[in-house]
Amino acid sequence: MIRLPRTLRKARPLAALALGASLVAPVGARGQSLPSSVGRDSLVVRADALEAGAPPGLALRAGERIAVWTAADVEVGRPGAGGRPVPDAPPGAVVARFDGGPWFAWSEGPTVWTAPASGRLEFTLNAGPRTALSGRARLALVRLGTVAAPAPAVAAFPAPRVELERAGDGVRVRYADRAGFGLVRSTLELTLHTAHGETIHLAAWRPVGRRETLLPLPPPDVPLPPGVQTLDATITDWLGNESPASRVVFDAAQ
C-alpha cells in the first residue's frame, strides 16, 4: 500500500491553457499560505465517492483565473492497477478536466490556471476500477478575475521584490517571489532615464537567471549623453503583481 503525504501546498500563478491540456506556471519559491482575508471556494474529492454523480468543480468565465492549493491524504492499495484517467500521473493524484474534455494531470504544487473558454473545471483522483483508493483530497480555490480585470484578492498577496546593486562595471539585479506563486522572469523590465531626461524601456540585455542577473553598464547599443543616468527595475509574479521599482544611478562618460 502506498500512502500519499498529507501536505498543504501553497500556490503558483499565471497559466495559459489550451483546451483539454494544462500549462501551469514553473516552480517558484515557497511563500505565504493563503491569506485569511481572501474568500475562497473549497472542494473535497473523496476516494469513496468517485463514481457518485458529477465530480466536484466550479464554473469559470472565459479568461478567468484561479489560484489552487491542494492537500491530499490518500492511500493507494493497488498502485500497479491500470485504467487510470491519466496514465502518466501517479495513482491517487489529483487530476482535472475542463468542460467535459479529457482528464489532465494537475500540479501538486500551488497553481494558477486560466480558463480558455466559459465552462466547468472538475477534479477527481487518478484511479482505475481496481486501484483501491481511500482518503480524500481537499482543494482551496481563489478567484483572481482576468488579466485585464483582476479581482481584489490579487492585491491581498505581497508583491515580489527586486533589488539593484552596483557591481564593478555593471549592475546586479536580484529578485524574489513573496506570495508563493513564482516569478515571470520574462517580465523583468529595466527603465533607463538619461541625463537629458529621456526615458527608454529595456528588456534585460543578458539572459535572466533564476534569482539574479548581472548586467553590464551602460546597456549595449544605447547611445547615452554624458552625465548621470538612472536605471529602474521591476518584475511581475505569476499572480500579476508587480514589484516596487528599485533604482541605481551610474555615470556615462563622453
C-alpha atoms as a PDB file:
ATOM      1  CA  MET A   1       0.000   0.000   0.000  1.00  0.00           C
ATOM      2  CA  ILE A   2       1.256   3.491  -0.907  1.00  0.00           C
ATOM      3  CA  ARG A   3       0.220   6.443   1.251  1.00  0.00           C
ATOM      4  CA  LEU A   4       0.446   9.857  -0.348  1.00  0.00           C
ATOM      5  CA  PRO A   5       1.815  12.501   2.039  1.00  0.00           C
ATOM      6  CA  ARG A   6      -0.668  14.895   3.576  1.00  0.00           C
ATOM      7  CA  THR A   7       0.670  18.259   2.560  1.00  0.00           C
ATOM      8  CA  LEU A   8      -0.825  21.713   2.198  1.00  0.00           C
ATOM      9  CA  ARG A   9       0.809  23.277  -0.799  1.00  0.00           C
ATOM     10  CA  LYS A  10       0.848  26.984  -1.494  1.00  0.00           C
ATOM     11  CA  ALA A  11       0.072  28.364  -4.922  1.00  0.00           C
ATOM     12  CA  ARG A  12       1.946  29.374  -8.124  1.00  0.00           C
ATOM     13  CA  PRO A  13       0.437  31.534 -10.951  1.00  0.00           C
ATOM     14  CA  LEU A  14      -0.462  32.657 -14.330  1.00  0.00           C
ATOM     15  CA  ALA A  15      -1.164  29.652 -16.509  1.00  0.00           C
ATOM     16  CA  ALA A  16      -2.207  29.735 -20.120  1.00  0.00           C
ATOM     17  CA  LEU A  17      -4.213  26.741 -21.251  1.00  0.00           C
ATOM     18  CA  ALA A  18      -5.130  25.043 -24.483  1.00  0.00           C
ATOM     19  CA  LEU A  19      -8.480  23.274 -24.262  1.00  0.00           C
ATOM     20  CA  GLY A  20      -8.069  19.899 -22.576  1.00  0.00           C
ATOM     21  CA  ALA A  21      -4.432  20.388 -21.568  1.00  0.00           C
ATOM     22  CA  SER A  22      -2.950  22.238 -18.615  1.00  0.00           C
ATOM     23  CA  LEU A  23       0.053  24.534 -18.856  1.00  0.00           C
ATOM     24  CA  VAL A  24       0.983  25.569 -15.343  1.00  0.00           C
ATOM     25  CA  ALA A  25       3.473  28.104 -14.097  1.00  0.00           C
ATOM     26  CA  PRO A  26       7.015  26.977 -13.374  1.00  0.00           C
ATOM     27  CA  VAL A  27       8.035  26.046  -9.857  1.00  0.00           C
ATOM     28  CA  GLY A  28       8.601  29.109  -7.733  1.00  0.00           C
ATOM     29  CA  ALA A  29       9.835  29.890  -4.273  1.00  0.00           C
ATOM     30  CA  ARG A  30       7.572  28.887  -1.422  1.00  0.00           C
ATOM     31  CA  GLY A  31       5.824  31.916   0.022  1.00  0.00           C
ATOM     32  CA  GLN A  32       2.965  32.592   2.380  1.00  0.00           C
ATOM     33  CA  SER A  33      -0.061  30.404   2.678  1.00  0.00           C
ATOM     34  CA  LEU A  34      -3.492  31.609   1.633  1.00  0.00           C
ATOM     35  CA  PRO A  35      -4.272  34.915   3.421  1.00  0.00           C
ATOM     36  CA  SER A  36      -7.194  34.534   5.831  1.00  0.00           C
ATOM     37  CA  SER A  37      -8.865  37.646   4.412  1.00  0.00           C
ATOM     38  CA  VAL A  38      -9.228  36.152   0.941  1.00  0.00           C
ATOM     39  CA  GLY A  39     -12.504  34.481   0.036  1.00  0.00           C
ATOM     40  CA  ARG A  40     -12.248  31.039  -1.459  1.00  0.00           C
ATOM     41  CA  ASP A  41     -14.167  28.059  -2.766  1.00  0.00           C
ATOM     42  CA  SER A  42     -13.478  24.738  -1.041  1.00  0.00           C
ATOM     43  CA  LEU A  43     -13.774  21.369  -2.763  1.00  0.00           C
ATOM     44  CA  VAL A  44     -13.326  17.857  -1.389  1.00  0.00           C
ATOM     45  CA  VAL A  45     -12.596  14.867  -3.630  1.00  0.00           C
ATOM     46  CA  ARG A  46     -13.417  11.701  -1.703  1.00  0.00           C
ATOM     47  CA  ALA A  47     -11.998   8.366  -2.780  1.00  0.00           C
ATOM     48  CA  ASP A  48     -15.205   6.566  -1.763  1.00  0.00           C
ATOM     49  CA  ALA A  49     -17.373   8.838  -3.919  1.00  0.00           C
ATOM     50  CA  LEU A  50     -15.515   8.985  -7.245  1.00  0.00           C
ATOM     51  CA  GLU A  51     -18.391   7.362  -9.117  1.00  0.00           C
ATOM     52  CA  ALA A  52     -21.168   9.213  -7.306  1.00  0.00           C
ATOM     53  CA  GLY A  53     -22.519  11.833  -9.703  1.00  0.00           C
ATOM     54  CA  ALA A  54     -20.585  14.691 -11.290  1.00  0.00           C
ATOM     55  CA  PRO A  55     -17.063  15.340  -9.993  1.00  0.00           C
ATOM     56  CA  PRO A  56     -16.656  18.398  -7.750  1.00  0.00           C
ATOM     57  CA  GLY A  57     -15.711  21.565  -9.579  1.00  0.00           C
ATOM     58  CA  LEU A  58     -16.650  25.154 -10.325  1.00  0.00           C
ATOM     59  CA  ALA A  59     -17.838  27.197 -13.286  1.00  0.00           C
ATOM     60  CA  LEU A  60     -15.435  29.733 -14.810  1.00  0.00           C
ATOM     61  CA  ARG A  61     -15.794  32.540 -17.320  1.00  0.00           C
ATOM     62  CA  ALA A  62     -13.582  32.740 -20.393  1.00  0.00           C
ATOM     63  CA  GLY A  63     -10.211  34.157 -19.337  1.00  0.00           C
ATOM     64  CA  GLU A  64     -10.969  33.848 -15.616  1.00  0.00           C
ATOM     65  CA  ARG A  65      -8.000  32.836 -13.473  1.00  0.00           C
ATOM     66  CA  ILE A  66      -7.987  30.821 -10.271  1.00  0.00           C
ATOM     67  CA  ALA A  67      -5.299  30.026  -7.732  1.00  0.00           C
ATOM     68  CA  VAL A  68      -5.482  26.486  -6.374  1.00  0.00           C
ATOM     69  CA  TRP A  69      -3.972  24.899  -3.266  1.00  0.00           C
ATOM     70  CA  THR A  70      -4.257  21.129  -2.722  1.00  0.00           C
ATOM     71  CA  ALA A  71      -3.919  18.979   0.381  1.00  0.00           C
ATOM     72  CA  ALA A  72      -4.089  15.210  -0.120  1.00  0.00           C
ATOM     73  CA  ASP A  73      -4.493  12.386   2.388  1.00  0.00           C
ATOM     74  CA  VAL A  74      -4.923   9.389   0.087  1.00  0.00           C
ATOM     75  CA  GLU A  75      -3.920   5.750   0.390  1.00  0.00           C
ATOM     76  CA  VAL A  76      -3.313   3.686  -2.749  1.00  0.00           C
ATOM     77  CA  GLY A  77      -3.957  -0.012  -2.236  1.00  0.00           C
ATOM     78  CA  ARG A  78      -3.026  -1.244  -5.728  1.00  0.00           C
ATOM     79  CA  PRO A  79      -0.597   1.217  -7.330  1.00  0.00           C
ATOM     80  CA  GLY A  80       0.019  -1.031 -10.344  1.00  0.00           C
ATOM     81  CA  ALA A  81      -3.622  -1.284 -11.379  1.00  0.00           C
ATOM     82  CA  GLY A  82      -4.389   0.140 -14.820  1.00  0.00           C
ATOM     83  CA  GLY A  83      -7.304   2.092 -16.203  1.00  0.00           C
ATOM     84  CA  ARG A  84      -6.381   5.454 -14.677  1.00  0.00           C
ATOM     85  CA  PRO A  85      -7.786   8.516 -16.496  1.00  0.00           C
ATOM     86  CA  VAL A  86      -4.266   9.978 -16.759  1.00  0.00           C
ATOM     87  CA  PRO A  87      -1.852   7.026 -17.165  1.00  0.00           C
ATOM     88  CA  ASP A  88       1.277   9.175 -16.793  1.00  0.00           C
ATOM     89  CA  ALA A  89       0.156  10.692 -13.464  1.00  0.00           C
ATOM     90  CA  PRO A  90       0.670   8.811 -10.168  1.00  0.00           C
ATOM     91  CA  PRO A  91      -2.231   6.729  -8.865  1.00  0.00           C
ATOM     92  CA  GLY A  92      -4.299   8.688  -6.363  1.00  0.00           C
ATOM     93  CA  ALA A  93      -3.042  12.089  -7.563  1.00  0.00           C
ATOM     94  CA  VAL A  94      -5.458  14.934  -8.220  1.00  0.00           C
ATOM     95  CA  VAL A  95      -6.364  15.266 -11.905  1.00  0.00           C
ATOM     96  CA  ALA A  96      -8.695  17.702 -13.653  1.00  0.00           C
ATOM     97  CA  ARG A  97     -10.743  18.244 -16.769  1.00  0.00           C
ATOM     98  CA  PHE A  98     -12.377  21.291 -18.309  1.00  0.00           C
ATOM     99  CA  ASP A  99     -15.834  21.457 -19.843  1.00  0.00           C
ATOM    100  CA  GLY A 100     -16.095  17.671 -20.201  1.00  0.00           C
ATOM    101  CA  GLY A 101     -12.785  17.327 -22.070  1.00  0.00           C
ATOM    102  CA  PRO A 102     -10.039  14.764 -21.383  1.00  0.00           C
ATOM    103  CA  TRP A 103      -8.573  14.470 -17.905  1.00  0.00           C
ATOM    104  CA  PHE A 104      -5.119  16.000 -17.414  1.00  0.00           C
ATOM    105  CA  ALA A 105      -2.534  15.935 -14.634  1.00  0.00           C
ATOM    106  CA  TRP A 106      -2.879  18.681 -12.047  1.00  0.00           C
ATOM    107  CA  SER A 107       0.249  20.164 -10.492  1.00  0.00           C
ATOM    108  CA  GLU A 108       0.979  19.036  -6.942  1.00  0.00           C
ATOM    109  CA  GLY A 109       2.326  22.468  -6.152  1.00  0.00           C
ATOM    110  CA  PRO A 110       0.431  25.751  -5.937  1.00  0.00           C
ATOM    111  CA  THR A 111      -1.020  26.662  -9.305  1.00  0.00           C
ATOM    112  CA  VAL A 112      -2.695  29.485 -11.189  1.00  0.00           C
ATOM    113  CA  TRP A 113      -4.900  28.309 -14.037  1.00  0.00           C
ATOM    114  CA  THR A 114      -6.677  30.300 -16.745  1.00  0.00           C
ATOM    115  CA  ALA A 115      -9.948  29.172 -18.337  1.00  0.00           C
ATOM    116  CA  PRO A 116      -9.661  29.135 -22.156  1.00  0.00           C
ATOM    117  CA  ALA A 117     -13.430  29.499 -22.517  1.00  0.00           C
ATOM    118  CA  SER A 118     -16.506  29.533 -20.314  1.00  0.00           C
ATOM    119  CA  GLY A 119     -17.008  26.118 -18.756  1.00  0.00           C
ATOM    120  CA  ARG A 120     -16.680  23.952 -15.679  1.00  0.00           C
ATOM    121  CA  LEU A 121     -13.359  22.840 -14.196  1.00  0.00           C
ATOM    122  CA  GLU A 122     -13.708  19.495 -12.404  1.00  0.00           C
ATOM    123  CA  PHE A 123     -11.397  17.432 -10.208  1.00  0.00           C
ATOM    124  CA  THR A 124     -11.051  13.753  -9.343  1.00  0.00           C
ATOM    125  CA  LEU A 125      -8.427  11.302  -8.116  1.00  0.00           C
ATOM    126  CA  ASN A 126      -6.376   9.395 -10.648  1.00  0.00           C
ATOM    127  CA  ALA A 127      -7.722   5.879 -10.176  1.00  0.00           C
ATOM    128  CA  GLY A 128      -8.907   2.958 -12.273  1.00  0.00           C
ATOM    129  CA  PRO A 129     -11.568   0.436 -11.244  1.00  0.00           C
ATOM    130  CA  ARG A 130      -9.027  -1.690  -9.306  1.00  0.00           C
ATOM    131  CA  THR A 131      -6.729   0.990  -7.848  1.00  0.00           C
ATOM    132  CA  ALA A 132      -8.319   0.656  -4.369  1.00  0.00           C
ATOM    133  CA  LEU A 133      -8.090   4.202  -3.067  1.00  0.00           C
ATOM    134  CA  SER A 134      -9.104   5.528   0.329  1.00  0.00           C
ATOM    135  CA  GLY A 135      -8.965   9.002   1.804  1.00  0.00           C
ATOM    136  CA  ARG A 136      -9.575  12.362   0.200  1.00  0.00           C
ATOM    137  CA  ALA A 137      -8.034  15.468  -1.322  1.00  0.00           C
ATOM    138  CA  ARG A 138      -9.054  18.981  -0.310  1.00  0.00           C
ATOM    139  CA  LEU A 139      -8.730  21.971  -2.629  1.00  0.00           C
ATOM    140  CA  ALA A 140      -8.906  25.688  -1.871  1.00  0.00           C
ATOM    141  CA  LEU A 141      -9.622  27.849  -4.926  1.00  0.00           C
ATOM    142  CA  VAL A 142      -9.393  31.649  -5.098  1.00  0.00           C
ATOM    143  CA  ARG A 143     -10.937  33.532  -7.994  1.00  0.00           C
ATOM    144  CA  LEU A 144      -8.417  36.020  -9.396  1.00  0.00           C
ATOM    145  CA  GLY A 145     -10.517  37.676 -12.113  1.00  0.00           C
ATOM    146  CA  THR A 146      -8.968  38.185 -15.534  1.00  0.00           C
ATOM    147  CA  VAL A 147      -5.651  39.720 -16.540  1.00  0.00           C
ATOM    148  CA  ALA A 148      -7.482  42.842 -17.724  1.00  0.00           C
ATOM    149  CA  ALA A 149      -9.752  42.996 -14.653  1.00  0.00           C
ATOM    150  CA  PRO A 150      -8.027  41.359 -11.670  1.00  0.00           C
ATOM    151  CA  ALA A 151     -10.112  40.540  -8.613  1.00  0.00           C
ATOM    152  CA  PRO A 152      -9.419  42.337  -5.310  1.00  0.00           C
ATOM    153  CA  ALA A 153      -7.963  39.057  -3.984  1.00  0.00           C
ATOM    154  CA  VAL A 154      -4.839  39.584  -6.099  1.00  0.00           C
ATOM    155  CA  ALA A 155      -3.856  42.650  -4.079  1.00  0.00           C
ATOM    156  CA  ALA A 156      -4.094  40.671  -0.817  1.00  0.00           C
ATOM    157  CA  PHE A 157      -0.880  38.843  -1.689  1.00  0.00           C
ATOM    158  CA  PRO A 158       2.503  40.547  -1.213  1.00  0.00           C
ATOM    159  CA  ALA A 159       4.177  41.841  -4.347  1.00  0.00           C
ATOM    160  CA  PRO A 160       7.539  40.435  -5.435  1.00  0.00           C
ATOM    161  CA  ARG A 161      10.793  42.189  -4.612  1.00  0.00           C
ATOM    162  CA  VAL A 162      13.595  43.371  -6.887  1.00  0.00           C
ATOM    163  CA  GLU A 163      16.904  44.986  -5.884  1.00  0.00           C
ATOM    164  CA  LEU A 164      19.578  46.723  -7.951  1.00  0.00           C
ATOM    165  CA  GLU A 165      23.165  46.894  -6.738  1.00  0.00           C
ATOM    166  CA  ARG A 166      26.248  48.266  -8.477  1.00  0.00           C
ATOM    167  CA  ALA A 167      28.767  45.518  -9.206  1.00  0.00           C
ATOM    168  CA  GLY A 168      32.022  46.525 -10.891  1.00  0.00           C
ATOM    169  CA  ASP A 169      31.235  47.831 -14.370  1.00  0.00           C
ATOM    170  CA  GLY A 170      27.628  46.738 -14.186  1.00  0.00           C
ATOM    171  CA  VAL A 171      24.598  46.218 -12.005  1.00  0.00           C
ATOM    172  CA  ARG A 172      23.427  43.103 -10.193  1.00  0.00           C
ATOM    173  CA  VAL A 173      19.662  42.558 -10.292  1.00  0.00           C
ATOM    174  CA  ARG A 174      18.252  40.346  -7.536  1.00  0.00           C
ATOM    175  CA  TYR A 175      14.581  39.348  -7.340  1.00  0.00           C
ATOM    176  CA  ALA A 176      12.397  37.219  -5.103  1.00  0.00           C
ATOM    177  CA  ASP A 177       8.839  35.957  -5.003  1.00  0.00           C
ATOM    178  CA  ARG A 178       6.932  36.825  -1.808  1.00  0.00           C
ATOM    179  CA  ALA A 179       3.477  35.364  -2.481  1.00  0.00           C
ATOM    180  CA  GLY A 180       4.474  31.777  -3.219  1.00  0.00           C
ATOM    181  CA  PHE A 181       3.486  31.721  -6.880  1.00  0.00           C
ATOM    182  CA  GLY A 182       6.856  32.204  -8.546  1.00  0.00           C
ATOM    183  CA  LEU A 183       8.128  34.961 -10.809  1.00  0.00           C
ATOM    184  CA  VAL A 184       7.594  35.539 -14.508  1.00  0.00           C
ATOM    185  CA  ARG A 185      11.255  36.224 -15.206  1.00  0.00           C
ATOM    186  CA  SER A 186      10.491  37.409 -18.740  1.00  0.00           C
ATOM    187  CA  THR A 187       8.750  40.428 -17.171  1.00  0.00           C
ATOM    188  CA  LEU A 188      11.993  41.829 -15.750  1.00  0.00           C
ATOM    189  CA  GLU A 189      11.849  45.368 -17.127  1.00  0.00           C
ATOM    190  CA  LEU A 190      14.593  47.987 -16.984  1.00  0.00           C
ATOM    191  CA  THR A 191      13.730  51.658 -17.414  1.00  0.00           C
ATOM    192  CA  LEU A 192      16.577  53.994 -18.261  1.00  0.00           C
ATOM    193  CA  HIS A 193      16.262  57.732 -17.535  1.00  0.00           C
ATOM    194  CA  THR A 194      19.043  59.555 -19.328  1.00  0.00           C
ATOM    195  CA  ALA A 195      20.895  62.653 -18.226  1.00  0.00           C
ATOM    196  CA  HIS A 196      18.852  64.589 -20.838  1.00  0.00           C
ATOM    197  CA  GLY A 197      15.507  63.458 -19.397  1.00  0.00           C
ATOM    198  CA  GLU A 198      14.704  60.765 -21.974  1.00  0.00           C
ATOM    199  CA  THR A 199      13.028  57.532 -20.843  1.00  0.00           C
ATOM    200  CA  ILE A 200      13.976  54.242 -22.517  1.00  0.00           C
ATOM    201  CA  HIS A 201      12.279  50.933 -21.691  1.00  0.00           C
ATOM    202  CA  LEU A 202      14.564  47.920 -21.997  1.00  0.00           C
ATOM    203  CA  ALA A 203      14.417  44.174 -21.570  1.00  0.00           C
ATOM    204  CA  ALA A 204      17.375  42.559 -19.824  1.00  0.00           C
ATOM    205  CA  TRP A 205      20.406  42.551 -22.147  1.00  0.00           C
ATOM    206  CA  ARG A 206      21.762  39.331 -20.655  1.00  0.00           C
ATOM    207  CA  PRO A 207      19.955  36.007 -20.020  1.00  0.00           C
ATOM    208  CA  VAL A 208      17.790  36.299 -16.907  1.00  0.00           C
ATOM    209  CA  GLY A 209      18.956  33.989 -14.116  1.00  0.00           C
ATOM    210  CA  ARG A 210      16.788  32.179 -11.638  1.00  0.00           C
ATOM    211  CA  ARG A 211      17.467  34.521  -8.714  1.00  0.00           C
ATOM    212  CA  GLU A 212      19.745  37.238 -10.061  1.00  0.00           C
ATOM    213  CA  THR A 213      21.215  38.676 -13.250  1.00  0.00           C
ATOM    214  CA  LEU A 214      24.426  40.643 -13.784  1.00  0.00           C
ATOM    215  CA  LEU A 215      24.081  43.324 -16.464  1.00  0.00           C
ATOM    216  CA  PRO A 216      26.982  45.380 -17.826  1.00  0.00           C
ATOM    217  CA  LEU A 217      26.614  49.160 -17.879  1.00  0.00           C
ATOM    218  CA  PRO A 218      25.928  51.133 -19.908  1.00  0.00           C
ATOM    219  CA  PRO A 219      23.447  48.958 -21.850  1.00  0.00           C
ATOM    220  CA  PRO A 220      24.909  47.957 -25.227  1.00  0.00           C
ATOM    221  CA  ASP A 221      23.751  49.761 -28.366  1.00  0.00           C
ATOM    222  CA  VAL A 222      22.062  52.525 -26.352  1.00  0.00           C
ATOM    223  CA  PRO A 223      23.654  55.918 -27.092  1.00  0.00           C
ATOM    224  CA  LEU A 224      23.764  57.933 -23.888  1.00  0.00           C
ATOM    225  CA  PRO A 225      24.643  61.569 -23.278  1.00  0.00           C
ATOM    226  CA  PRO A 226      27.426  62.256 -20.798  1.00  0.00           C
ATOM    227  CA  GLY A 227      26.323  62.623 -17.206  1.00  0.00           C
ATOM    228  CA  VAL A 228      24.395  60.753 -14.548  1.00  0.00           C
ATOM    229  CA  GLN A 229      21.858  58.180 -15.764  1.00  0.00           C
ATOM    230  CA  THR A 230      19.182  56.447 -13.677  1.00  0.00           C
ATOM    231  CA  LEU A 231      18.159  52.807 -14.056  1.00  0.00           C
ATOM    232  CA  ASP A 232      14.953  51.365 -12.550  1.00  0.00           C
ATOM    233  CA  ALA A 233      13.884  47.699 -12.447  1.00  0.00           C
ATOM    234  CA  THR A 234      10.575  45.920 -11.846  1.00  0.00           C
ATOM    235  CA  ILE A 235       9.416  42.294 -12.102  1.00  0.00           C
ATOM    236  CA  THR A 236       5.996  40.597 -12.001  1.00  0.00           C
ATOM    237  CA  ASP A 237       4.904  37.371 -10.326  1.00  0.00           C
ATOM    238  CA  TRP A 238       2.507  34.768 -11.714  1.00  0.00           C
ATOM    239  CA  LEU A 239      -0.396  36.437  -9.919  1.00  0.00           C
ATOM    240  CA  GLY A 240       0.208  39.562 -11.961  1.00  0.00           C
ATOM    241  CA  ASN A 241       1.501  41.657  -9.055  1.00  0.00           C
ATOM    242  CA  GLU A 242       4.411  43.929  -9.964  1.00  0.00           C
ATOM    243  CA  SER A 243       7.277  44.693  -7.606  1.00  0.00           C
ATOM    244  CA  PRO A 244       8.028  48.203  -6.415  1.00  0.00           C
ATOM    245  CA  ALA A 245      10.795  49.695  -8.550  1.00  0.00           C
ATOM    246  CA  SER A 246      14.421  49.576  -7.457  1.00  0.00           C
ATOM    247  CA  ARG A 247      16.897  52.206  -8.661  1.00  0.00           C
ATOM    248  CA  VAL A 248      20.600  52.777  -9.216  1.00  0.00           C
ATOM    249  CA  VAL A 249      22.484  55.648 -10.804  1.00  0.00           C
ATOM    250  CA  PHE A 250      25.605  55.481 -12.951  1.00  0.00           C
ATOM    251  CA  ASP A 251      27.744  57.917 -14.858  1.00  0.00           C
ATOM    252  CA  ALA A 252      28.189  57.664 -18.620  1.00  0.00           C
ATOM    253  CA  ALA A 253      31.312  59.485 -19.704  1.00  0.00           C
ATOM    254  CA  GLN A 254      31.622  61.312 -23.062  1.00  0.00           C
END
